[in-house]
Amino acid sequence: MYIACCQVDSIMKPNITFIQMGGTIDKTYPKATGGYAFEIGEAAFHSILHDLQPSFSYETKMICQKDSQDITIGDRQELKDFIFKSDCSTFVITHGTDTMIETGHFISDLSQKTIVLTGSLKPAAFKQSDAPIQLGSAIAASQVLSAGIYIAMNGIVKSIDDIGRDLSTGKFI
């Protein structure tokens, strides 16, 4: 289901399609009482884009709202099918960091489009979240990179084939 965005009129093709997969970036406190676990809420890019007041057209799509460890092959296939069928050529995907690289490899045959995956180590709902800078990096990168699959995290942007993660620090390298 598309979420209509005021930045795209019915004639104009969006410059960027933002896709929510879930992950820490979208986590919020639980609505139920007595719980300690976080819930995946509304896509963080909605509020961040509102604050940004971008000069580009965009649309948004929610594929799933899951912790990345719970993302299935079926979820990845739905993402892949959506991107393949889309007329848009530039995508920013918010995703949990634990399996972001795995998803990037899964969609790697879509390299004729520019696709940047990003997430955050702290929920966007937190005051000192890294979500706005991570998403901002992905937005900027998506507009200047050639076609391919990339990850924008921790101040770097690398091709899916060149990125790694230091599991002792959680940083992408």
N, C-alpha and C. Protein backbone atom coordinates (compact mmCIF):
# COMPACT_ATOMS: atom_id res chain seq x y z
N MET A 1 0.83 -1.16 0.00
CA MET A 1 0.00 0.00 0.00
C MET A 1 0.89 1.24 0.00
N TYR A 2 0.63 2.16 -0.92
CA TYR A 2 1.35 3.42 -0.94
C TYR A 2 0.78 4.34 0.11
N ILE A 3 1.61 5.14 0.70
CA ILE A 3 1.15 6.22 1.55
C ILE A 3 1.34 7.47 0.72
N ALA A 4 0.26 8.12 0.39
CA ALA A 4 0.35 9.30 -0.46
C ALA A 4 1.14 10.38 0.25
N CYS A 5 1.94 11.07 -0.49
CA CYS A 5 2.76 12.13 0.08
C CYS A 5 2.49 13.43 -0.64
N CYS A 6 2.42 14.48 0.10
CA CYS A 6 2.10 15.78 -0.49
C CYS A 6 3.18 16.27 -1.44
N GLN A 7 4.35 15.67 -1.45
CA GLN A 7 5.43 16.13 -2.30
C GLN A 7 5.32 15.61 -3.73
N VAL A 8 4.41 14.69 -4.01
CA VAL A 8 4.30 14.12 -5.35
C VAL A 8 2.91 14.43 -5.88
N ASP A 9 2.83 15.08 -7.03
CA ASP A 9 1.51 15.23 -7.64
C ASP A 9 1.28 14.05 -8.56
N SER A 10 0.07 13.92 -9.07
CA SER A 10 -0.30 12.71 -9.81
C SER A 10 0.43 12.56 -11.14
N ILE A 11 1.01 13.63 -11.65
CA ILE A 11 1.70 13.58 -12.94
C ILE A 11 3.20 13.36 -12.76
N MET A 12 3.77 13.92 -11.73
CA MET A 12 5.22 13.89 -11.53
C MET A 12 5.69 12.55 -10.97
N LYS A 13 6.71 11.99 -11.57
CA LYS A 13 7.35 10.78 -11.05
C LYS A 13 8.19 11.19 -9.85
N PRO A 14 8.14 10.42 -8.75
CA PRO A 14 8.94 10.79 -7.57
C PRO A 14 10.43 10.67 -7.85
N ASN A 15 11.20 11.58 -7.25
CA ASN A 15 12.65 11.47 -7.33
C ASN A 15 13.16 10.30 -6.50
N ILE A 16 12.54 10.09 -5.33
CA ILE A 16 12.97 9.04 -4.40
C ILE A 16 11.74 8.33 -3.86
N THR A 17 11.82 7.02 -3.76
CA THR A 17 10.80 6.25 -3.05
C THR A 17 11.43 5.75 -1.76
N PHE A 18 10.81 6.09 -0.65
CA PHE A 18 11.26 5.64 0.68
C PHE A 18 10.46 4.40 1.05
N ILE A 19 11.18 3.37 1.49
CA ILE A 19 10.54 2.10 1.85
C ILE A 19 10.87 1.75 3.29
N GLN A 20 9.84 1.46 4.07
CA GLN A 20 10.00 1.04 5.45
C GLN A 20 10.02 -0.48 5.53
N MET A 21 11.07 -1.01 6.16
CA MET A 21 11.15 -2.43 6.47
C MET A 21 11.07 -2.65 7.98
N GLY A 22 11.32 -1.60 8.77
CA GLY A 22 11.30 -1.72 10.22
C GLY A 22 12.68 -1.49 10.79
N GLY A 23 12.97 -2.10 11.91
CA GLY A 23 14.26 -1.95 12.56
C GLY A 23 14.23 -0.91 13.66
N THR A 24 15.38 -0.74 14.29
CA THR A 24 15.50 0.19 15.42
C THR A 24 15.07 1.59 15.07
N ILE A 25 15.34 2.05 13.87
CA ILE A 25 14.99 3.41 13.47
C ILE A 25 13.51 3.72 13.72
N ASP A 26 12.65 2.72 13.58
CA ASP A 26 11.20 2.90 13.72
C ASP A 26 10.65 2.43 15.05
N LYS A 27 11.51 2.04 15.99
CA LYS A 27 11.02 1.51 17.26
C LYS A 27 10.48 2.63 18.16
N THR A 28 9.41 2.27 18.89
CA THR A 28 8.79 3.17 19.85
C THR A 28 8.52 2.38 21.12
N TYR A 29 8.18 3.11 22.17
CA TYR A 29 7.82 2.43 23.41
C TYR A 29 6.51 1.68 23.21
N PRO A 30 6.34 0.56 23.92
CA PRO A 30 5.11 -0.22 23.73
C PRO A 30 3.88 0.54 24.21
N LYS A 31 2.78 0.30 23.52
CA LYS A 31 1.51 0.93 23.91
C LYS A 31 0.88 0.21 25.09
N ALA A 32 1.16 -1.08 25.23
CA ALA A 32 0.62 -1.86 26.33
C ALA A 32 1.43 -1.57 27.60
N THR A 33 0.79 -1.63 28.73
CA THR A 33 1.50 -1.39 29.98
C THR A 33 2.21 -2.65 30.43
N GLY A 34 3.23 -2.45 31.24
CA GLY A 34 3.95 -3.58 31.82
C GLY A 34 4.94 -4.25 30.89
N GLY A 35 5.22 -3.66 29.77
CA GLY A 35 6.15 -4.28 28.83
C GLY A 35 7.47 -3.55 28.76
N TYR A 36 8.51 -4.26 28.44
CA TYR A 36 9.83 -3.67 28.29
C TYR A 36 10.27 -3.62 26.83
N ALA A 37 9.66 -4.44 26.00
CA ALA A 37 10.07 -4.53 24.60
C ALA A 37 9.58 -3.32 23.82
N PHE A 38 10.31 -2.97 22.78
CA PHE A 38 9.89 -1.91 21.89
C PHE A 38 8.96 -2.47 20.82
N GLU A 39 8.18 -1.58 20.23
CA GLU A 39 7.33 -1.94 19.10
C GLU A 39 7.82 -1.16 17.89
N ILE A 40 7.61 -1.70 16.71
CA ILE A 40 7.92 -0.97 15.48
C ILE A 40 6.71 -0.09 15.19
N GLY A 41 6.94 1.21 15.04
CA GLY A 41 5.85 2.15 14.81
C GLY A 41 5.89 2.74 13.42
N GLU A 42 5.34 3.93 13.31
CA GLU A 42 5.31 4.64 12.04
C GLU A 42 6.73 4.84 11.52
N ALA A 43 6.86 4.86 10.22
CA ALA A 43 8.17 5.05 9.61
C ALA A 43 8.80 6.36 10.06
N ALA A 44 10.03 6.28 10.53
CA ALA A 44 10.75 7.47 11.01
C ALA A 44 10.93 8.49 9.91
N PHE A 45 11.01 8.02 8.65
CA PHE A 45 11.26 8.99 7.58
C PHE A 45 10.12 9.99 7.43
N HIS A 46 8.91 9.67 7.91
CA HIS A 46 7.81 10.64 7.80
C HIS A 46 8.13 11.91 8.59
N SER A 47 8.49 11.77 9.85
CA SER A 47 8.77 12.96 10.66
C SER A 47 10.08 13.63 10.25
N ILE A 48 11.07 12.84 9.87
CA ILE A 48 12.35 13.43 9.45
C ILE A 48 12.17 14.22 8.16
N LEU A 49 11.42 13.67 7.21
CA LEU A 49 11.16 14.41 5.96
C LEU A 49 10.33 15.66 6.22
N HIS A 50 9.39 15.57 7.16
CA HIS A 50 8.60 16.76 7.51
C HIS A 50 9.51 17.87 8.01
N ASP A 51 10.46 17.53 8.88
CA ASP A 51 11.40 18.53 9.41
C ASP A 51 12.34 19.04 8.33
N LEU A 52 12.73 18.17 7.42
CA LEU A 52 13.66 18.54 6.35
C LEU A 52 13.05 19.51 5.35
N GLN A 53 11.75 19.37 5.09
CA GLN A 53 11.08 20.14 4.04
C GLN A 53 11.86 20.04 2.73
N PRO A 54 11.95 18.83 2.17
CA PRO A 54 12.82 18.57 1.03
C PRO A 54 12.42 19.32 -0.24
N SER A 55 13.40 19.52 -1.09
CA SER A 55 13.21 20.15 -2.39
C SER A 55 13.15 19.09 -3.50
N PHE A 56 12.83 17.88 -3.16
CA PHE A 56 12.68 16.81 -4.14
C PHE A 56 11.32 16.15 -3.92
N SER A 57 10.80 15.52 -4.95
CA SER A 57 9.53 14.81 -4.82
C SER A 57 9.81 13.40 -4.32
N TYR A 58 8.86 12.87 -3.58
CA TYR A 58 9.04 11.53 -3.05
C TYR A 58 7.70 10.86 -2.80
N GLU A 59 7.77 9.55 -2.64
CA GLU A 59 6.63 8.76 -2.19
C GLU A 59 7.14 7.78 -1.15
N THR A 60 6.21 7.19 -0.42
CA THR A 60 6.61 6.25 0.63
C THR A 60 5.84 4.95 0.49
N LYS A 61 6.46 3.89 0.99
CA LYS A 61 5.85 2.56 0.93
C LYS A 61 6.28 1.79 2.17
N MET A 62 5.33 1.09 2.79
CA MET A 62 5.65 0.23 3.91
C MET A 62 5.59 -1.21 3.41
N ILE A 63 6.70 -1.92 3.50
CA ILE A 63 6.73 -3.34 3.16
C ILE A 63 6.44 -4.16 4.41
N CYS A 64 7.17 -3.87 5.49
CA CYS A 64 6.91 -4.54 6.76
C CYS A 64 7.39 -3.65 7.90
N GLN A 65 6.99 -4.00 9.08
CA GLN A 65 7.39 -3.27 10.29
C GLN A 65 7.93 -4.31 11.28
N LYS A 66 9.15 -4.76 11.00
CA LYS A 66 9.72 -5.84 11.80
C LYS A 66 11.13 -5.50 12.26
N ASP A 67 11.51 -6.10 13.38
CA ASP A 67 12.91 -6.12 13.75
C ASP A 67 13.61 -6.88 12.63
N SER A 68 14.80 -6.46 12.25
CA SER A 68 15.44 -7.08 11.09
C SER A 68 15.73 -8.56 11.29
N GLN A 69 15.85 -9.01 12.52
CA GLN A 69 16.07 -10.43 12.76
C GLN A 69 14.83 -11.26 12.45
N ASP A 70 13.67 -10.58 12.34
CA ASP A 70 12.41 -11.27 12.04
C ASP A 70 12.01 -11.15 10.57
N ILE A 71 12.79 -10.44 9.77
CA ILE A 71 12.48 -10.30 8.34
C ILE A 71 12.70 -11.64 7.65
N THR A 72 11.72 -12.03 6.85
CA THR A 72 11.75 -13.34 6.19
C THR A 72 12.16 -13.20 4.72
N ILE A 73 12.41 -14.33 4.11
CA ILE A 73 12.68 -14.34 2.67
C ILE A 73 11.47 -13.78 1.93
N GLY A 74 10.27 -14.09 2.41
CA GLY A 74 9.06 -13.56 1.80
C GLY A 74 9.01 -12.03 1.85
N ASP A 75 9.43 -11.44 2.99
CA ASP A 75 9.49 -9.97 3.10
C ASP A 75 10.50 -9.41 2.11
N ARG A 76 11.65 -10.06 2.03
CA ARG A 76 12.69 -9.59 1.09
C ARG A 76 12.22 -9.72 -0.36
N GLN A 77 11.49 -10.79 -0.66
CA GLN A 77 10.97 -10.97 -2.01
C GLN A 77 9.93 -9.90 -2.33
N GLU A 78 9.08 -9.55 -1.36
CA GLU A 78 8.10 -8.48 -1.57
C GLU A 78 8.81 -7.16 -1.86
N LEU A 79 9.87 -6.88 -1.13
CA LEU A 79 10.68 -5.68 -1.36
C LEU A 79 11.25 -5.70 -2.78
N LYS A 80 11.85 -6.80 -3.13
CA LYS A 80 12.47 -6.95 -4.45
C LYS A 80 11.45 -6.78 -5.57
N ASP A 81 10.30 -7.42 -5.43
CA ASP A 81 9.25 -7.32 -6.45
C ASP A 81 8.75 -5.89 -6.59
N PHE A 82 8.57 -5.21 -5.46
CA PHE A 82 8.09 -3.83 -5.50
C PHE A 82 9.07 -2.93 -6.25
N ILE A 83 10.35 -3.03 -5.90
CA ILE A 83 11.37 -2.19 -6.54
C ILE A 83 11.46 -2.52 -8.03
N PHE A 84 11.44 -3.79 -8.36
CA PHE A 84 11.54 -4.21 -9.77
C PHE A 84 10.41 -3.62 -10.60
N LYS A 85 9.19 -3.63 -10.07
CA LYS A 85 8.02 -3.16 -10.81
C LYS A 85 7.87 -1.63 -10.80
N SER A 86 8.56 -0.95 -9.90
CA SER A 86 8.40 0.50 -9.75
C SER A 86 9.00 1.26 -10.92
N ASP A 87 8.35 2.36 -11.28
CA ASP A 87 8.88 3.27 -12.30
C ASP A 87 9.99 4.16 -11.73
N CYS A 88 10.06 4.25 -10.41
CA CYS A 88 11.08 5.07 -9.77
C CYS A 88 12.44 4.38 -9.93
N SER A 89 13.49 5.17 -10.00
CA SER A 89 14.83 4.59 -10.15
C SER A 89 15.71 4.78 -8.92
N THR A 90 15.20 5.51 -7.92
CA THR A 90 15.99 5.80 -6.73
C THR A 90 15.19 5.45 -5.48
N PHE A 91 15.81 4.67 -4.58
CA PHE A 91 15.13 4.18 -3.39
C PHE A 91 16.00 4.37 -2.15
N VAL A 92 15.37 4.73 -1.05
CA VAL A 92 16.01 4.73 0.26
C VAL A 92 15.18 3.80 1.13
N ILE A 93 15.84 2.77 1.67
CA ILE A 93 15.16 1.75 2.46
C ILE A 93 15.62 1.87 3.91
N THR A 94 14.67 2.05 4.83
CA THR A 94 15.03 2.01 6.24
C THR A 94 14.85 0.57 6.71
N HIS A 95 15.85 0.09 7.44
CA HIS A 95 15.97 -1.34 7.72
C HIS A 95 16.73 -1.50 9.03
N GLY A 96 16.48 -2.57 9.73
CA GLY A 96 17.26 -2.88 10.91
C GLY A 96 18.69 -3.23 10.54
N THR A 97 19.61 -2.87 11.41
CA THR A 97 21.03 -3.02 11.09
C THR A 97 21.53 -4.46 11.15
N ASP A 98 20.87 -5.33 11.91
CA ASP A 98 21.38 -6.69 12.07
C ASP A 98 21.40 -7.49 10.77
N THR A 99 20.42 -7.28 9.90
CA THR A 99 20.37 -8.06 8.65
C THR A 99 20.32 -7.18 7.41
N MET A 100 20.70 -5.93 7.55
CA MET A 100 20.69 -4.99 6.43
C MET A 100 21.58 -5.47 5.28
N ILE A 101 22.76 -5.97 5.60
CA ILE A 101 23.68 -6.45 4.57
C ILE A 101 23.07 -7.65 3.85
N GLU A 102 22.44 -8.54 4.59
CA GLU A 102 21.80 -9.71 3.99
C GLU A 102 20.71 -9.29 3.00
N THR A 103 19.89 -8.32 3.37
CA THR A 103 18.85 -7.82 2.46
C THR A 103 19.48 -7.17 1.24
N GLY A 104 20.55 -6.42 1.43
CA GLY A 104 21.24 -5.80 0.30
C GLY A 104 21.72 -6.83 -0.70
N HIS A 105 22.26 -7.93 -0.22
CA HIS A 105 22.70 -9.00 -1.12
C HIS A 105 21.51 -9.67 -1.80
N PHE A 106 20.41 -9.82 -1.08
CA PHE A 106 19.22 -10.46 -1.64
C PHE A 106 18.67 -9.67 -2.84
N ILE A 107 18.75 -8.35 -2.78
CA ILE A 107 18.21 -7.52 -3.86
C ILE A 107 19.30 -7.07 -4.85
N SER A 108 20.47 -7.67 -4.77
CA SER A 108 21.62 -7.19 -5.55
C SER A 108 21.43 -7.27 -7.06
N ASP A 109 20.50 -8.10 -7.53
CA ASP A 109 20.28 -8.15 -8.98
C ASP A 109 19.42 -6.99 -9.48
N LEU A 110 19.05 -6.06 -8.60
CA LEU A 110 18.31 -4.85 -8.99
C LEU A 110 19.27 -3.68 -9.19
N SER A 111 20.51 -3.97 -9.51
CA SER A 111 21.57 -2.96 -9.56
C SER A 111 21.42 -1.94 -10.69
N GLN A 112 20.38 -2.05 -11.52
CA GLN A 112 20.13 -1.03 -12.54
C GLN A 112 19.41 0.19 -11.92
N LYS A 113 19.03 0.07 -10.65
CA LYS A 113 18.41 1.17 -9.91
C LYS A 113 19.37 1.59 -8.82
N THR A 114 19.18 2.79 -8.27
CA THR A 114 20.01 3.26 -7.16
C THR A 114 19.24 3.01 -5.88
N ILE A 115 19.80 2.14 -5.03
CA ILE A 115 19.13 1.71 -3.81
C ILE A 115 20.10 1.89 -2.65
N VAL A 116 19.67 2.65 -1.64
CA VAL A 116 20.50 2.89 -0.47
C VAL A 116 19.73 2.42 0.76
N LEU A 117 20.33 1.48 1.50
CA LEU A 117 19.75 1.01 2.76
C LEU A 117 20.38 1.77 3.90
N THR A 118 19.58 2.09 4.90
CA THR A 118 20.08 2.76 6.10
C THR A 118 19.21 2.38 7.28
N GLY A 119 19.65 2.73 8.45
CA GLY A 119 18.92 2.46 9.68
C GLY A 119 19.50 3.32 10.77
N SER A 120 19.35 2.89 12.00
CA SER A 120 19.96 3.64 13.10
C SER A 120 20.25 2.70 14.26
N LEU A 121 21.13 3.15 15.12
CA LEU A 121 21.48 2.38 16.31
C LEU A 121 20.61 2.75 17.50
N LYS A 122 19.95 3.92 17.40
CA LYS A 122 19.00 4.38 18.43
C LYS A 122 17.71 4.77 17.72
N PRO A 123 16.55 4.45 18.30
CA PRO A 123 15.28 4.81 17.67
C PRO A 123 15.17 6.31 17.37
N ALA A 124 14.52 6.63 16.27
CA ALA A 124 14.31 8.04 15.91
C ALA A 124 13.54 8.78 17.00
N ALA A 125 12.74 8.06 17.77
CA ALA A 125 11.96 8.67 18.84
C ALA A 125 12.84 9.17 20.00
N PHE A 126 14.07 8.70 20.08
CA PHE A 126 14.98 9.14 21.15
C PHE A 126 15.55 10.51 20.81
N LYS A 127 15.72 11.33 21.82
CA LYS A 127 16.23 12.69 21.62
C LYS A 127 17.60 12.70 20.96
N GLN A 128 18.50 11.83 21.35
CA GLN A 128 19.86 11.82 20.80
C GLN A 128 20.05 10.69 19.79
N SER A 129 19.03 10.47 18.97
CA SER A 129 19.09 9.42 17.96
C SER A 129 20.03 9.80 16.82
N ASP A 130 20.62 8.78 16.23
CA ASP A 130 21.41 8.96 15.02
C ASP A 130 20.55 8.85 13.76
N ALA A 131 19.26 8.62 13.90
CA ALA A 131 18.37 8.41 12.75
C ALA A 131 18.38 9.57 11.75
N PRO A 132 18.25 10.83 12.17
CA PRO A 132 18.24 11.90 11.17
C PRO A 132 19.52 11.99 10.34
N ILE A 133 20.68 11.80 10.95
CA ILE A 133 21.93 11.89 10.19
C ILE A 133 22.10 10.68 9.27
N GLN A 134 21.68 9.50 9.75
CA GLN A 134 21.77 8.30 8.89
C GLN A 134 20.86 8.45 7.68
N LEU A 135 19.61 8.88 7.91
CA LEU A 135 18.67 9.06 6.80
C LEU A 135 19.14 10.18 5.88
N GLY A 136 19.64 11.28 6.45
CA GLY A 136 20.15 12.38 5.63
C GLY A 136 21.30 11.94 4.74
N SER A 137 22.19 11.13 5.28
CA SER A 137 23.30 10.61 4.48
C SER A 137 22.79 9.76 3.33
N ALA A 138 21.79 8.92 3.61
CA ALA A 138 21.23 8.05 2.58
C ALA A 138 20.53 8.87 1.49
N ILE A 139 19.80 9.91 1.89
CA ILE A 139 19.12 10.77 0.92
C ILE A 139 20.14 11.44 0.01
N ALA A 140 21.15 12.05 0.60
CA ALA A 140 22.17 12.73 -0.21
C ALA A 140 22.88 11.75 -1.13
N ALA A 141 23.27 10.60 -0.59
CA ALA A 141 23.98 9.60 -1.39
C ALA A 141 23.12 9.11 -2.54
N SER A 142 21.84 8.90 -2.29
CA SER A 142 20.96 8.36 -3.34
C SER A 142 20.86 9.28 -4.55
N GLN A 143 21.13 10.54 -4.35
CA GLN A 143 21.00 11.51 -5.44
C GLN A 143 22.27 11.71 -6.25
N VAL A 144 23.39 11.21 -5.75
CA VAL A 144 24.66 11.41 -6.47
C VAL A 144 25.34 10.10 -6.90
N LEU A 145 24.89 8.99 -6.38
CA LEU A 145 25.49 7.70 -6.72
C LEU A 145 24.97 7.19 -8.06
N SER A 146 25.80 6.41 -8.72
CA SER A 146 25.33 5.70 -9.92
C SER A 146 24.48 4.52 -9.46
N ALA A 147 23.83 3.88 -10.40
CA ALA A 147 22.98 2.74 -10.08
C ALA A 147 23.78 1.68 -9.33
N GLY A 148 23.13 1.03 -8.37
CA GLY A 148 23.75 -0.01 -7.57
C GLY A 148 23.08 -0.11 -6.22
N ILE A 149 23.55 -1.04 -5.40
CA ILE A 149 23.02 -1.26 -4.06
C ILE A 149 24.07 -0.79 -3.06
N TYR A 150 23.66 0.08 -2.12
CA TYR A 150 24.59 0.69 -1.17
C TYR A 150 24.02 0.65 0.24
N ILE A 151 24.91 0.82 1.21
CA ILE A 151 24.52 1.04 2.60
C ILE A 151 25.15 2.34 3.06
N ALA A 152 24.33 3.18 3.69
CA ALA A 152 24.80 4.44 4.28
C ALA A 152 24.61 4.32 5.79
N MET A 153 25.72 4.19 6.51
CA MET A 153 25.69 4.06 7.97
C MET A 153 27.01 4.57 8.55
N ASN A 154 26.95 5.13 9.72
CA ASN A 154 28.14 5.54 10.47
C ASN A 154 29.04 6.49 9.69
N GLY A 155 28.44 7.35 8.87
CA GLY A 155 29.22 8.36 8.14
C GLY A 155 29.90 7.85 6.89
N ILE A 156 29.60 6.64 6.48
CA ILE A 156 30.18 6.10 5.24
C ILE A 156 29.07 5.61 4.32
N VAL A 157 29.36 5.56 3.05
CA VAL A 157 28.47 4.98 2.06
C VAL A 157 29.32 4.03 1.24
N LYS A 158 28.93 2.76 1.22
CA LYS A 158 29.69 1.76 0.48
C LYS A 158 28.75 0.84 -0.28
N SER A 159 29.26 0.31 -1.36
CA SER A 159 28.56 -0.69 -2.14
C SER A 159 28.30 -1.91 -1.27
N ILE A 160 27.21 -2.61 -1.54
CA ILE A 160 26.89 -3.81 -0.78
C ILE A 160 28.03 -4.83 -0.83
N ASP A 161 28.82 -4.81 -1.89
CA ASP A 161 29.93 -5.76 -2.01
C ASP A 161 31.16 -5.32 -1.23
N ASP A 162 31.20 -4.07 -0.79
CA ASP A 162 32.39 -3.54 -0.10
C ASP A 162 32.16 -3.26 1.38
N ILE A 163 30.93 -3.33 1.84
CA ILE A 163 30.63 -2.97 3.23
C ILE A 163 30.80 -4.17 4.15
N GLY A 164 31.18 -3.89 5.37
CA GLY A 164 31.27 -4.91 6.40
C GLY A 164 30.75 -4.33 7.70
N ARG A 165 30.81 -5.11 8.74
CA ARG A 165 30.36 -4.63 10.05
C ARG A 165 31.26 -5.21 11.12
N ASP A 166 31.73 -4.33 11.98
CA ASP A 166 32.53 -4.74 13.13
C ASP A 166 31.55 -5.14 14.22
N LEU A 167 31.41 -6.41 14.48
CA LEU A 167 30.42 -6.89 15.43
C LEU A 167 30.74 -6.51 16.87
N SER A 168 31.98 -6.15 17.16
CA SER A 168 32.31 -5.75 18.54
C SER A 168 31.86 -4.32 18.83
N THR A 169 31.77 -3.47 17.79
CA THR A 169 31.32 -2.09 18.00
C THR A 169 29.94 -1.83 17.39
N GLY A 170 29.53 -2.68 16.45
CA GLY A 170 28.26 -2.48 15.74
C GLY A 170 28.39 -1.54 14.55
N LYS A 171 29.57 -0.96 14.37
CA LYS A 171 29.76 0.01 13.28
C LYS A 171 29.94 -0.68 11.94
N PHE A 172 29.41 -0.02 10.92
CA PHE A 172 29.64 -0.48 9.55
C PHE A 172 30.98 0.05 9.10
N ILE A 173 31.72 -0.78 8.38
CA ILE A 173 33.08 -0.40 7.97
C ILE A 173 33.30 -0.71 6.48
